[in-house]
PDB file of N, CA and C in Angstrom:
ATOM      1  N   MET A   1       2.247  14.994   4.755  1.00  0.00           N
ATOM      2  CA  MET A   1       1.720  14.666   5.361  1.00  0.00           C
ATOM      3  C   MET A   1       0.717  15.567   6.523  1.00  0.00           C
ATOM      4  N   LEU A   2      -0.015  16.590   6.037  1.00  0.00           N
ATOM      5  CA  LEU A   2      -1.248  17.056   6.091  1.00  0.00           C
ATOM      6  C   LEU A   2      -2.308  16.208   5.690  1.00  0.00           C
ATOM      7  N   ARG A   3      -1.864  15.234   4.460  1.00  0.00           N
ATOM      8  CA  ARG A   3      -3.511  14.604   3.893  1.00  0.00           C
ATOM      9  C   ARG A   3      -3.423  13.283   4.814  1.00  0.00           C
ATOM     10  N   ARG A   4      -2.013  12.385   5.196  1.00  0.00           N
ATOM     11  CA  ARG A   4      -2.282  11.486   6.833  1.00  0.00           C
ATOM     12  C   ARG A   4      -3.171  11.948   7.769  1.00  0.00           C
ATOM     13  N   ILE A   5      -2.766  13.415   8.358  1.00  0.00           N
ATOM     14  CA  ILE A   5      -3.388  13.583   9.546  1.00  0.00           C
ATOM     15  C   ILE A   5      -4.668  13.710   9.215  1.00  0.00           C
ATOM     16  N   VAL A   6      -5.232  14.396   7.755  1.00  0.00           N
ATOM     17  CA  VAL A   6      -6.681  14.676   7.540  1.00  0.00           C
ATOM     18  C   VAL A   6      -7.390  13.143   7.544  1.00  0.00           C
ATOM     19  N   THR A   7      -6.411  12.409   7.088  1.00  0.00           N
ATOM     20  CA  THR A   7      -6.952  10.964   6.397  1.00  0.00           C
ATOM     21  C   THR A   7      -7.194   9.828   8.060  1.00  0.00           C
ATOM     22  N   LEU A   8      -6.457  10.416   9.020  1.00  0.00           N
ATOM     23  CA  LEU A   8      -6.433   9.647  10.373  1.00  0.00           C
ATOM     24  C   LEU A   8      -7.629  10.335  11.099  1.00  0.00           C
ATOM     25  N   LEU A   9      -7.727  11.930  11.132  1.00  0.00           N
ATOM     26  CA  LEU A   9      -8.603  12.222  11.677  1.00  0.00           C
ATOM     27  C   LEU A   9      -9.941  11.257  11.436  1.00  0.00           C
ATOM     28  N   VAL A  10      -9.957  11.838   9.984  1.00  0.00           N
ATOM     29  CA  VAL A  10     -12.007  10.958   8.948  1.00  0.00           C
ATOM     30  C   VAL A  10     -11.924   9.266   9.797  1.00  0.00           C
ATOM     31  N   ALA A  11     -10.947   8.868   9.345  1.00  0.00           N
ATOM     32  CA  ALA A  11     -10.307   7.457   9.139  1.00  0.00           C
ATOM     33  C   ALA A  11     -11.283   6.404  10.414  1.00  0.00           C
ATOM     34  N   PHE A  12     -10.670   6.650  11.603  1.00  0.00           N
ATOM     35  CA  PHE A  12     -10.274   6.788  13.733  1.00  0.00           C
ATOM     36  C   PHE A  12     -11.524   6.609  13.875  1.00  0.00           C
ATOM     37  N   PRO A  13     -12.393   8.490  13.340  1.00  0.00           N
ATOM     38  CA  PRO A  13     -13.693   8.352  14.385  1.00  0.00           C
ATOM     39  C   PRO A  13     -14.334   6.770  13.075  1.00  0.00           C
ATOM     40  N   LEU A  14     -14.853   7.370  11.986  1.00  0.00           N
ATOM     41  CA  LEU A  14     -15.223   6.574  11.071  1.00  0.00           C
ATOM     42  C   LEU A  14     -15.329   5.228  11.496  1.00  0.00           C
ATOM     43  N   GLY A  15     -14.602   4.130  11.843  1.00  0.00           N
ATOM     44  CA  GLY A  15     -14.047   2.736  12.729  1.00  0.00           C
ATOM     45  C   GLY A  15     -14.504   3.397  13.604  1.00  0.00           C
ATOM     46  N   VAL A  16     -14.564   3.863  14.608  1.00  0.00           N
ATOM     47  CA  VAL A  16     -14.966   3.602  16.254  1.00  0.00           C
ATOM     48  C   VAL A  16     -16.178   3.576  15.560  1.00  0.00           C
ATOM     49  N   ILE A  17     -17.319   4.583  15.167  1.00  0.00           N
ATOM     50  CA  ILE A  17     -18.920   4.860  14.590  1.00  0.00           C
ATOM     51  C   ILE A  17     -18.746   2.994  14.325  1.00  0.00           C
ATOM     52  N   LEU A  18     -18.004   2.719  13.405  1.00  0.00           N
ATOM     53  CA  LEU A  18     -18.172   1.400  12.761  1.00  0.00           C
ATOM     54  C   LEU A  18     -18.422  -0.073  13.562  1.00  0.00           C
ATOM     55  N   VAL A  19     -17.639  -0.069  14.254  1.00  0.00           N
ATOM     56  CA  VAL A  19     -17.301  -0.385  16.053  1.00  0.00           C
ATOM     57  C   VAL A  19     -18.862  -0.814  16.353  1.00  0.00           C
ATOM     58  N   ALA A  20     -19.128   0.860  16.875  1.00  0.00           N
ATOM     59  CA  ALA A  20     -20.417   0.857  18.094  1.00  0.00           C
ATOM     60  C   ALA A  20     -21.790   0.136  16.829  1.00  0.00           C
ATOM     61  N   ILE A  21     -21.423   0.585  15.773  1.00  0.00           N
ATOM     62  CA  ILE A  21     -22.821   0.139  15.641  1.00  0.00           C
ATOM     63  C   ILE A  21     -22.897  -1.621  15.183  1.00  0.00           C
ATOM     64  N   ALA A  22     -21.513  -2.087  14.685  1.00  0.00           N
ATOM     65  CA  ALA A  22     -21.667  -2.967  14.809  1.00  0.00           C
ATOM     66  C   ALA A  22     -22.063  -3.704  16.060  1.00  0.00           C
ATOM     67  N   VAL A  23     -21.197  -3.555  17.546  1.00  0.00           N
ATOM     68  CA  VAL A  23     -21.515  -4.390  19.065  1.00  0.00           C
ATOM     69  C   VAL A  23     -23.373  -4.035  18.908  1.00  0.00           C
ATOM     70  N   SER A  24     -24.001  -2.675  18.700  1.00  0.00           N
ATOM     71  CA  SER A  24     -25.105  -1.930  19.090  1.00  0.00           C
ATOM     72  C   SER A  24     -26.449  -3.460  18.262  1.00  0.00           C
ATOM     73  N   ASN A  25     -25.304  -3.311  16.822  1.00  0.00           N
ATOM     74  CA  ASN A  25     -26.948  -3.680  16.455  1.00  0.00           C
ATOM     75  C   ASN A  25     -26.472  -5.220  15.902  1.00  0.00           C
ATOM     76  N   ARG A  26     -26.624  -6.286  16.602  1.00  0.00           N
ATOM     77  CA  ARG A  26     -26.021  -7.559  16.169  1.00  0.00           C
ATOM     78  C   ARG A  26     -27.179  -8.330  16.442  1.00  0.00           C
ATOM     79  N   GLN A  27     -28.421  -8.201  16.819  1.00  0.00           N
ATOM     80  CA  GLN A  27     -29.606  -8.951  16.481  1.00  0.00           C
ATOM     81  C   GLN A  27     -29.708  -9.209  15.257  1.00  0.00           C
ATOM     82  N   THR A  28     -30.254 -10.299  15.077  1.00  0.00           N
ATOM     83  CA  THR A  28     -30.352 -11.166  13.309  1.00  0.00           C
ATOM     84  C   THR A  28     -31.681 -10.675  12.711  1.00  0.00           C
ATOM     85  N   VAL A  29     -31.771  -9.673  11.983  1.00  0.00           N
ATOM     86  CA  VAL A  29     -32.742  -9.622  11.245  1.00  0.00           C
ATOM     87  C   VAL A  29     -32.993 -10.486   9.355  1.00  0.00           C
ATOM     88  N   GLN A  30     -34.239 -10.540   9.094  1.00  0.00           N
ATOM     89  CA  GLN A  30     -34.073 -10.926   7.517  1.00  0.00           C
ATOM     90  C   GLN A  30     -34.951 -10.093   6.728  1.00  0.00           C
ATOM     91  N   LEU A  31     -33.885  -9.834   5.657  1.00  0.00           N
ATOM     92  CA  LEU A  31     -34.029  -9.721   4.310  1.00  0.00           C
ATOM     93  C   LEU A  31     -34.863 -10.609   3.392  1.00  0.00           C
ATOM     94  N   VAL A  32     -35.879  -9.574   3.129  1.00  0.00           N
ATOM     95  CA  VAL A  32     -36.852 -10.725   2.535  1.00  0.00           C
ATOM     96  C   VAL A  32     -36.837 -10.558   0.603  1.00  0.00           C
ATOM     97  N   LEU A  33     -36.485 -11.317   0.070  1.00  0.00           N
ATOM     98  CA  LEU A  33     -36.002 -10.709  -1.617  1.00  0.00           C
ATOM     99  C   LEU A  33     -37.295 -11.498  -2.078  1.00  0.00           C
ATOM    100  N   ASP A  34     -38.063 -11.883  -1.861  1.00  0.00           N
ATOM    101  CA  ASP A  34     -39.526 -12.464  -2.504  1.00  0.00           C
ATOM    102  C   ASP A  34     -40.895 -11.303  -2.257  1.00  0.00           C
ATOM    103  N   PRO A  35     -40.790 -10.503  -3.333  1.00  0.00           N
ATOM    104  CA  PRO A  35     -42.059  -9.213  -2.637  1.00  0.00           C
ATOM    105  C   PRO A  35     -43.207  -9.991  -3.132  1.00  0.00           C
ATOM    106  N   PHE A  36     -43.516 -11.045  -2.934  1.00  0.00           N
ATOM    107  CA  PHE A  36     -45.164 -11.764  -4.224  1.00  0.00           C
ATOM    108  C   PHE A  36     -45.086 -12.219  -2.765  1.00  0.00           C
ATOM    109  N   ARG A  37     -44.646 -12.719  -1.674  1.00  0.00           N
ATOM    110  CA  ARG A  37     -45.027 -13.590  -0.238  1.00  0.00           C
ATOM    111  C   ARG A  37     -44.054 -13.228   0.778  1.00  0.00           C
ATOM    112  N   PRO A  38     -44.591 -12.041   1.427  1.00  0.00           N
ATOM    113  CA  PRO A  38     -42.974 -11.431   2.401  1.00  0.00           C
ATOM    114  C   PRO A  38     -43.719 -12.612   3.413  1.00  0.00           C
ATOM    115  N   GLU A  39     -44.444 -13.033   4.415  1.00  0.00           N
ATOM    116  CA  GLU A  39     -45.024 -13.778   4.856  1.00  0.00           C
ATOM    117  C   GLU A  39     -44.580 -14.977   5.299  1.00  0.00           C
ATOM    118  N   ALA A  40     -44.548 -15.826   4.149  1.00  0.00           N
ATOM    119  CA  ALA A  40     -43.298 -16.859   3.716  1.00  0.00           C
ATOM    120  C   ALA A  40     -42.888 -16.487   2.491  1.00  0.00           C
ATOM    121  N   PRO A  41     -41.444 -15.905   2.475  1.00  0.00           N
ATOM    122  CA  PRO A  41     -40.857 -15.767   1.709  1.00  0.00           C
ATOM    123  C   PRO A  41     -40.190 -17.041   0.870  1.00  0.00           C
ATOM    124  N   ALA A  42     -39.739 -17.075  -0.392  1.00  0.00           N
ATOM    125  CA  ALA A  42     -39.152 -18.233  -1.099  1.00  0.00           C
ATOM    126  C   ALA A  42     -38.050 -17.785  -0.722  1.00  0.00           C
ATOM    127  N   LEU A  43     -37.395 -16.775  -0.788  1.00  0.00           N
ATOM    128  CA  LEU A  43     -36.102 -16.179  -0.784  1.00  0.00           C
ATOM    129  C   LEU A  43     -35.793 -15.205   0.687  1.00  0.00           C
ATOM    130  N   ALA A  44     -35.105 -15.253   1.233  1.00  0.00           N
ATOM    131  CA  ALA A  44     -34.784 -14.604   2.730  1.00  0.00           C
ATOM    132  C   ALA A  44     -33.371 -15.034   3.340  1.00  0.00           C
ATOM    133  N   ILE A  45     -32.204 -14.310   3.589  1.00  0.00           N
ATOM    134  CA  ILE A  45     -32.303 -13.749   3.889  1.00  0.00           C
ATOM    135  C   ILE A  45     -31.963 -13.268   5.652  1.00  0.00           C
ATOM    136  N   ASN A  46     -30.996 -14.387   6.470  1.00  0.00           N
ATOM    137  CA  ASN A  46     -30.901 -14.405   7.794  1.00  0.00           C
ATOM    138  C   ASN A  46     -29.592 -13.819   8.441  1.00  0.00           C
ATOM    139  N   LEU A  47     -29.376 -12.165   8.754  1.00  0.00           N
ATOM    140  CA  LEU A  47     -27.940 -11.984   9.386  1.00  0.00           C
ATOM    141  C   LEU A  47     -28.085 -10.729  10.705  1.00  0.00           C
ATOM    142  N   PRO A  48     -26.706 -10.994  11.104  1.00  0.00           N
ATOM    143  CA  PRO A  48     -27.463  -9.611  12.057  1.00  0.00           C
ATOM    144  C   PRO A  48     -27.228  -8.042  10.722  1.00  0.00           C
ATOM    145  N   LEU A  49     -27.752  -7.082  11.829  1.00  0.00           N
ATOM    146  CA  LEU A  49     -28.260  -6.041  11.040  1.00  0.00           C
ATOM    147  C   LEU A  49     -26.897  -5.407  10.472  1.00  0.00           C
ATOM    148  N   TYR A  50     -25.788  -5.156  11.630  1.00  0.00           N
ATOM    149  CA  TYR A  50     -24.579  -4.212  10.843  1.00  0.00           C
ATOM    150  C   TYR A  50     -24.029  -4.657   9.674  1.00  0.00           C
ATOM    151  N   LEU A  51     -23.768  -6.381   9.423  1.00  0.00           N
ATOM    152  CA  LEU A  51     -23.408  -6.960   8.483  1.00  0.00           C
ATOM    153  C   LEU A  51     -24.176  -6.610   6.824  1.00  0.00           C
ATOM    154  N   PHE A  52     -25.156  -5.913   7.197  1.00  0.00           N
ATOM    155  CA  PHE A  52     -26.238  -5.878   6.327  1.00  0.00           C
ATOM    156  C   PHE A  52     -26.166  -4.303   5.677  1.00  0.00           C
ATOM    157  N   LEU A  53     -25.703  -3.258   6.943  1.00  0.00           N
ATOM    158  CA  LEU A  53     -25.033  -2.013   7.108  1.00  0.00           C
ATOM    159  C   LEU A  53     -23.806  -1.920   6.593  1.00  0.00           C
ATOM    160  N   LEU A  54     -23.296  -2.805   6.054  1.00  0.00           N
ATOM    161  CA  LEU A  54     -21.474  -2.564   6.082  1.00  0.00           C
ATOM    162  C   LEU A  54     -21.321  -3.615   4.617  1.00  0.00           C
ATOM    163  N   ALA A  55     -22.296  -4.671   3.769  1.00  0.00           N
ATOM    164  CA  ALA A  55     -22.162  -4.899   2.354  1.00  0.00           C
ATOM    165  C   ALA A  55     -22.946  -3.621   2.108  1.00  0.00           C
ATOM    166  N   ALA A  56     -24.023  -2.552   2.419  1.00  0.00           N
ATOM    167  CA  ALA A  56     -24.562  -1.268   2.243  1.00  0.00           C
ATOM    168  C   ALA A  56     -23.702  -0.467   1.603  1.00  0.00           C
ATOM    169  N   LEU A  57     -22.951  -0.413   2.171  1.00  0.00           N
ATOM    170  CA  LEU A  57     -21.138   0.627   2.532  1.00  0.00           C
ATOM    171  C   LEU A  57     -20.268   0.474   1.397  1.00  0.00           C
ATOM    172  N   ILE A  58     -20.563  -1.201   1.197  1.00  0.00           N
ATOM    173  CA  ILE A  58     -19.104  -1.382   0.840  1.00  0.00           C
ATOM    174  C   ILE A  58     -19.767  -1.496  -0.439  1.00  0.00           C
ATOM    175  N   LEU A  59     -20.995  -2.264  -1.023  1.00  0.00           N
ATOM    176  CA  LEU A  59     -21.511  -1.850  -2.505  1.00  0.00           C
ATOM    177  C   LEU A  59     -20.990  -1.241  -2.900  1.00  0.00           C
ATOM    178  N   GLY A  60     -21.873   0.271  -1.713  1.00  0.00           N
ATOM    179  CA  GLY A  60     -22.296   1.920  -2.462  1.00  0.00           C
ATOM    180  C   GLY A  60     -20.441   2.486  -2.956  1.00  0.00           C
ATOM    181  N   VAL A  61     -19.668   2.576  -1.697  1.00  0.00           N
ATOM    182  CA  VAL A  61     -18.102   2.269  -2.578  1.00  0.00           C
ATOM    183  C   VAL A  61     -17.703   2.143  -3.626  1.00  0.00           C
ATOM    184  N   MET A  62     -17.933   0.647  -3.948  1.00  0.00           N
ATOM    185  CA  MET A  62     -17.518   0.530  -5.102  1.00  0.00           C
ATOM    186  C   MET A  62     -18.326   0.951  -6.904  1.00  0.00           C
ATOM    187  N   LEU A  63     -19.354   1.197  -6.585  1.00  0.00           N
ATOM    188  CA  LEU A  63     -20.601   1.773  -7.323  1.00  0.00           C
ATOM    189  C   LEU A  63     -19.890   2.883  -7.622  1.00  0.00           C
ATOM    190  N   GLY A  64     -19.432   3.811  -6.814  1.00  0.00           N
ATOM    191  CA  GLY A  64     -19.405   5.113  -7.072  1.00  0.00           C
ATOM    192  C   GLY A  64     -17.505   4.947  -7.819  1.00  0.00           C
ATOM    193  N   GLY A  65     -17.249   4.292  -6.806  1.00  0.00           N
ATOM    194  CA  GLY A  65     -15.304   3.907  -7.715  1.00  0.00           C
ATOM    195  C   GLY A  65     -15.920   3.227  -9.132  1.00  0.00           C
ATOM    196  N   PHE A  66     -16.546   3.159  -9.846  1.00  0.00           N
ATOM    197  CA  PHE A  66     -16.619   2.033 -10.801  1.00  0.00           C
ATOM    198  C   PHE A  66     -17.569   3.223 -11.905  1.00  0.00           C
ATOM    199  N   ALA A  67     -18.530   3.690 -10.970  1.00  0.00           N
ATOM    200  CA  ALA A  67     -19.235   5.102 -11.453  1.00  0.00           C
ATOM    201  C   ALA A  67     -18.319   5.887 -11.934  1.00  0.00           C
ATOM    202  N   THR A  68     -17.333   6.590 -11.168  1.00  0.00           N
ATOM    203  CA  THR A  68     -16.193   7.513 -11.361  1.00  0.00           C
ATOM    204  C   THR A  68     -15.100   6.492 -11.922  1.00  0.00           C
ATOM    205  N   TRP A  69     -14.897   5.761 -12.413  1.00  0.00           N
ATOM    206  CA  TRP A  69     -13.897   5.412 -13.296  1.00  0.00           C
ATOM    207  C   TRP A  69     -14.297   5.129 -14.826  1.00  0.00           C
ATOM    208  N   PHE A  70     -15.527   4.882 -15.151  1.00  0.00           N
ATOM    209  CA  PHE A  70     -16.677   5.187 -16.304  1.00  0.00           C
ATOM    210  C   PHE A  70     -16.626   6.160 -16.992  1.00  0.00           C
ATOM    211  N   GLY A  71     -16.546   7.084 -15.933  1.00  0.00           N
ATOM    212  CA  GLY A  71     -16.728   8.867 -15.882  1.00  0.00           C
ATOM    213  C   GLY A  71     -15.378   9.655 -16.655  1.00  0.00           C
ATOM    214  N   GLN A  72     -14.518   8.900 -16.409  1.00  0.00           N
ATOM    215  CA  GLN A  72     -12.939   9.583 -16.757  1.00  0.00           C
ATOM    216  C   GLN A  72     -12.381   8.504 -17.757  1.00  0.00           C
ATOM    217  N   SER A  73     -13.205   7.975 -18.469  1.00  0.00           N
ATOM    218  CA  SER A  73     -12.598   7.102 -19.518  1.00  0.00           C
ATOM    219  C   SER A  73     -12.405   8.053 -20.437  1.00  0.00           C
ATOM    220  N   ARG A  74     -12.509   9.554 -20.937  1.00  0.00           N
ATOM    221  CA  ARG A  74     -12.780   9.719 -21.958  1.00  0.00           C
ATOM    222  C   ARG A  74     -11.527  10.522 -21.607  1.00  0.00           C
ATOM    223  N   TRP A  75     -11.608  11.241 -20.299  1.00  0.00           N
ATOM    224  CA  TRP A  75     -10.019  11.837 -19.809  1.00  0.00           C
ATOM    225  C   TRP A  75      -8.918  10.843 -20.024  1.00  0.00           C
ATOM    226  N   ARG A  76      -9.074   9.753 -19.476  1.00  0.00           N
ATOM    227  CA  ARG A  76      -7.872   8.938 -19.736  1.00  0.00           C
ATOM    228  C   ARG A  76      -7.224   8.482 -21.030  1.00  0.00           C
ATOM    229  N   ARG A  77      -8.636   8.516 -21.845  1.00  0.00           N
ATOM    230  CA  ARG A  77      -8.549   8.171 -23.851  1.00  0.00           C
ATOM    231  C   ARG A  77      -7.885   9.204 -23.711  1.00  0.00           C
ATOM    232  N   THR A  78      -7.846  10.350 -23.328  1.00  0.00           N
ATOM    233  CA  THR A  78      -7.208  11.708 -23.833  1.00  0.00           C
ATOM    234  C   THR A  78      -6.198  11.819 -23.957  1.00  0.00           C
ATOM    235  N   ALA A  79      -5.598  11.404 -22.760  1.00  0.00           N
ATOM    236  CA  ALA A  79      -4.482  11.568 -21.888  1.00  0.00           C
ATOM    237  C   ALA A  79      -3.286  10.323 -23.447  1.00  0.00           C
ATOM    238  N   ARG A  80      -4.414   9.160 -22.883  1.00  0.00           N
ATOM    239  CA  ARG A  80      -3.288   8.078 -23.579  1.00  0.00           C
ATOM    240  C   ARG A  80      -2.710   8.669 -25.618  1.00  0.00           C
ATOM    241  N   THR A  81      -4.015   9.116 -26.240  1.00  0.00           N
ATOM    242  CA  THR A  81      -3.359   9.457 -27.165  1.00  0.00           C
ATOM    243  C   THR A  81      -2.562  10.294 -27.466  1.00  0.00           C
ATOM    244  N   GLN A  82      -2.825  11.530 -26.583  1.00  0.00           N
ATOM    245  CA  GLN A  82      -2.000  12.923 -26.036  1.00  0.00           C
ATOM    246  C   GLN A  82      -0.526  12.091 -25.726  1.00  0.00           C
ATOM    247  N   GLY A  83      -0.229  11.391 -24.881  1.00  0.00           N
ATOM    248  CA  GLY A  83       1.638  10.561 -24.542  1.00  0.00           C
ATOM    249  C   GLY A  83       1.487  10.532 -25.365  1.00  0.00           C
ATOM    250  N   GLN A  84       0.715   9.169 -26.731  1.00  0.00           N
ATOM    251  CA  GLN A  84       1.739   8.526 -27.990  1.00  0.00           C
ATOM    252  C   GLN A  84       2.239   9.408 -28.869  1.00  0.00           C
ATOM    253  N   ARG A  85       1.370  10.757 -28.752  1.00  0.00           N
ATOM    254  CA  ARG A  85       1.022  11.960 -29.474  1.00  0.00           C
ATOM    255  C   ARG A  85       2.460  12.858 -29.233  1.00  0.00           C
ATOM    256  N   ALA A  86       2.889  12.932 -27.993  1.00  0.00           N
ATOM    257  CA  ALA A  86       3.704  13.155 -27.480  1.00  0.00           C
ATOM    258  C   ALA A  86       5.442  12.349 -27.710  1.00  0.00           C
ATOM    259  N   ALA A  87       4.755  11.096 -27.863  1.00  0.00           N
ATOM    260  CA  ALA A  87       5.969  10.010 -27.952  1.00  0.00           C
ATOM    261  C   ALA A  87       6.534  10.403 -29.590  1.00  0.00           C
ATOM    262  N   ARG A  88       5.690  10.169 -30.097  1.00  0.00           N
ATOM    263  CA  ARG A  88       6.154  10.827 -31.789  1.00  0.00           C
ATOM    264  C   ARG A  88       6.753  11.575 -31.969  1.00  0.00           C
ATOM    265  N   TRP A  89       6.746  12.914 -31.454  1.00  0.00           N
ATOM    266  CA  TRP A  89       6.822  14.098 -32.042  1.00  0.00           C
ATOM    267  C   TRP A  89       8.585  13.865 -30.994  1.00  0.00           C
ATOM    268  N   GLN A  90       8.773  13.254 -29.519  1.00  0.00           N
ATOM    269  CA  GLN A  90       9.471  13.344 -29.122  1.00  0.00           C
ATOM    270  C   GLN A  90      11.053  11.981 -29.745  1.00  0.00           C
ATOM    271  N   ALA A  91      10.001  10.885 -30.623  1.00  0.00           N
ATOM    272  CA  ALA A  91      10.933  10.127 -31.515  1.00  0.00           C
ATOM    273  C   ALA A  91      11.286  11.054 -33.054  1.00  0.00           C
ATOM    274  N   GLU A  92      10.916  12.100 -34.041  1.00  0.00           N
ATOM    275  CA  GLU A  92      11.341  12.696 -34.663  1.00  0.00           C
ATOM    276  C   GLU A  92      12.224  14.166 -34.171  1.00  0.00           C
ATOM    277  N   ALA A  93      12.066  14.212 -33.034  1.00  0.00           N
ATOM    278  CA  ALA A  93      12.572  15.588 -32.780  1.00  0.00           C
ATOM    279  C   ALA A  93      14.358  14.850 -32.705  1.00  0.00           C
ATOM    280  N   ASP A  94      14.204  13.588 -31.916  1.00  0.00           N
ATOM    281  CA  ASP A  94      15.795  12.901 -31.305  1.00  0.00           C
ATOM    282  C   ASP A  94      16.107  12.440 -33.180  1.00  0.00           C
ATOM    283  N   ARG A  95      14.754  12.018 -33.732  1.00  0.00           N
ATOM    284  CA  ARG A  95      15.659  11.280 -34.982  1.00  0.00           C
ATOM    285  C   ARG A  95      16.442  12.557 -35.990  1.00  0.00           C
ATOM    286  N   LEU A  96      15.968  14.395 -35.603  1.00  0.00           N
ATOM    287  CA  LEU A  96      16.874  15.215 -36.087  1.00  0.00           C
ATOM    288  C   LEU A  96      18.029  15.859 -36.197  1.00  0.00           C
ATOM    289  N   VAL A  97      18.002  15.708 -34.450  1.00  0.00           N
ATOM    290  CA  VAL A  97      19.015  15.542 -33.586  1.00  0.00           C
ATOM    291  C   VAL A  97      20.104  14.810 -33.950  1.00  0.00           C
ATOM    292  N   ARG A  98      19.129  13.132 -34.122  1.00  0.00           N
ATOM    293  CA  ARG A  98      21.089  12.736 -35.397  1.00  0.00           C
ATOM    294  C   ARG A  98      21.368  13.264 -36.410  1.00  0.00           C
ATOM    295  N   GLU A  99      20.688  13.114 -36.997  1.00  0.00           N
ATOM    296  CA  GLU A  99      20.852  14.285 -38.239  1.00  0.00           C
ATOM    297  C   GLU A  99      21.401  14.866 -38.126  1.00  0.00           C
ATOM    298  N   ARG A 100      21.279  15.796 -37.342  1.00  0.00           N
ATOM    299  CA  ARG A 100      22.325  16.968 -37.384  1.00  0.00           C
ATOM    300  C   ARG A 100      23.383  16.835 -37.254  1.00  0.00           C
ATOM    301  N   ASP A 101      23.236  16.315 -35.731  1.00  0.00           N
ATOM    302  CA  ASP A 101      24.932  15.873 -36.050  1.00  0.00           C
ATOM    303  C   ASP A 101      25.316  15.135 -36.716  1.00  0.00           C
ATOM    304  N   VAL A 102      24.933  14.225 -37.218  1.00  0.00           N
ATOM    305  CA  VAL A 102      25.935  13.355 -38.188  1.00  0.00           C
ATOM    306  C   VAL A 102      26.464  14.293 -39.324  1.00  0.00           C
ATOM    307  N   HIS A 103      25.130  15.467 -39.997  1.00  0.00           N
ATOM    308  CA  HIS A 103      25.597  16.502 -40.802  1.00  0.00           C
ATOM    309  C   HIS A 103      26.473  17.256 -40.594  1.00  0.00           C
ATOM    310  N   ALA A 104      27.040  17.873 -39.341  1.00  0.00           N
ATOM    311  CA  ALA A 104      27.529  19.023 -38.844  1.00  0.00           C
ATOM    312  C   ALA A 104      29.286  18.137 -38.708  1.00  0.00           C
ATOM    313  N   LYS A 105      29.396  17.104 -38.740  1.00  0.00           N
ATOM    314  CA  LYS A 105      30.582  16.000 -38.243  1.00  0.00           C
ATOM    315  C   LYS A 105      30.791  15.659 -39.977  1.00  0.00           C
ATOM    316  N   SER A 106      29.887  15.601 -40.665  1.00  0.00           N
ATOM    317  CA  SER A 106      30.065  15.339 -42.533  1.00  0.00           C
ATOM    318  C   SER A 106      30.332  17.006 -42.993  1.00  0.00           C
ATOM    319  N   SER A 107      30.500  17.586 -41.860  1.00  0.00           N
ATOM    320  CA  SER A 107      30.363  19.598 -42.292  1.00  0.00           C
ATOM    321  C   SER A 107      31.776  19.734 -42.189  1.00  0.00           C
ATOM    322  N   SER A 108      32.217  19.286 -40.910  1.00  0.00           N
ATOM    323  CA  SER A 108      33.052  19.575 -40.239  1.00  0.00           C
ATOM    324  C   SER A 108      34.284  19.413 -40.323  1.00  0.00           C
ATOM    325  N   GLY A 109      34.906  17.689 -41.504  1.00  0.00           N
ATOM    326  CA  GLY A 109      35.602  17.038 -42.239  1.00  0.00           C
ATOM    327  C   GLY A 109      35.937  17.212 -43.110  1.00  0.00           C
ATOM    328  N   ILE A 110      34.560  18.324 -43.977  1.00  0.00           N
ATOM    329  CA  ILE A 110      34.808  18.603 -45.438  1.00  0.00           C
ATOM    330  C   ILE A 110      35.575  20.345 -44.796  1.00  0.00           C
ATOM    331  N   LEU A 111      35.676  21.125 -44.170  1.00  0.00           N
ATOM    332  CA  LEU A 111      36.120  22.583 -44.057  1.00  0.00           C
ATOM    333  C   LEU A 111      37.186  21.917 -43.824  1.00  0.00           C
ATOM    334  N   ALA A 112      37.419  20.870 -42.790  1.00  0.00           N
ATOM    335  CA  ALA A 112      38.986  19.780 -42.241  1.00  0.00           C
ATOM    336  C   ALA A 112      39.646  20.227 -43.685  1.00  0.00           C
ATOM    337  N   ILE A 113      39.221  19.306 -44.169  1.00  0.00           N
ATOM    338  CA  ILE A 113      39.692  18.976 -45.699  1.00  0.00           C
ATOM    339  C   ILE A 113      40.696  20.678 -46.776  1.00  0.00           C
ATOM    340  N   ALA A 114      39.579  21.216 -46.726  1.00  0.00           N
ATOM    341  CA  ALA A 114      39.419  22.163 -47.152  1.00  0.00           C
ATOM    342  C   ALA A 114      40.048  22.933 -46.643  1.00  0.00           C
ATOM    343  N   ASP A 115      40.814  23.033 -46.047  1.00  0.00           N
ATOM    344  CA  ASP A 115      41.658  24.058 -45.084  1.00  0.00           C
ATOM    345  C   ASP A 115      43.324  23.568 -45.123  1.00  0.00           C
ATOM    346  N   ARG A 116      43.518  22.529 -45.860  1.00  0.00           N
ATOM    347  CA  ARG A 116      44.957  22.304 -45.290  1.00  0.00           C
ATOM    348  C   ARG A 116      44.900  22.580 -46.515  1.00  0.00           C
TER     349      ARG A 116
END
């Protein structure tokens, strides 16, 4: 519940700020992708400024997420191998319990016959 409240306290003002930026920066700007001839570029994009800002924000979030995901790959690999080891040990423990139970049943049957 606290996490949800904090998220709302951060996300709502951030959304309001982004909408305000989008409304106030509607003029078209040119992004020149030709560093050798900026006065007559071979490749240029004309879009409203807020689209460039939002695209940069989205790209930054995606790159940060990928960097974090790749940075944590060692820990995910370790968790996966440890999980596999734990599953093997659990299977071994279950097998030993079944063998013990079978042995206990057969031993109690022998004792019952010996008591007669």
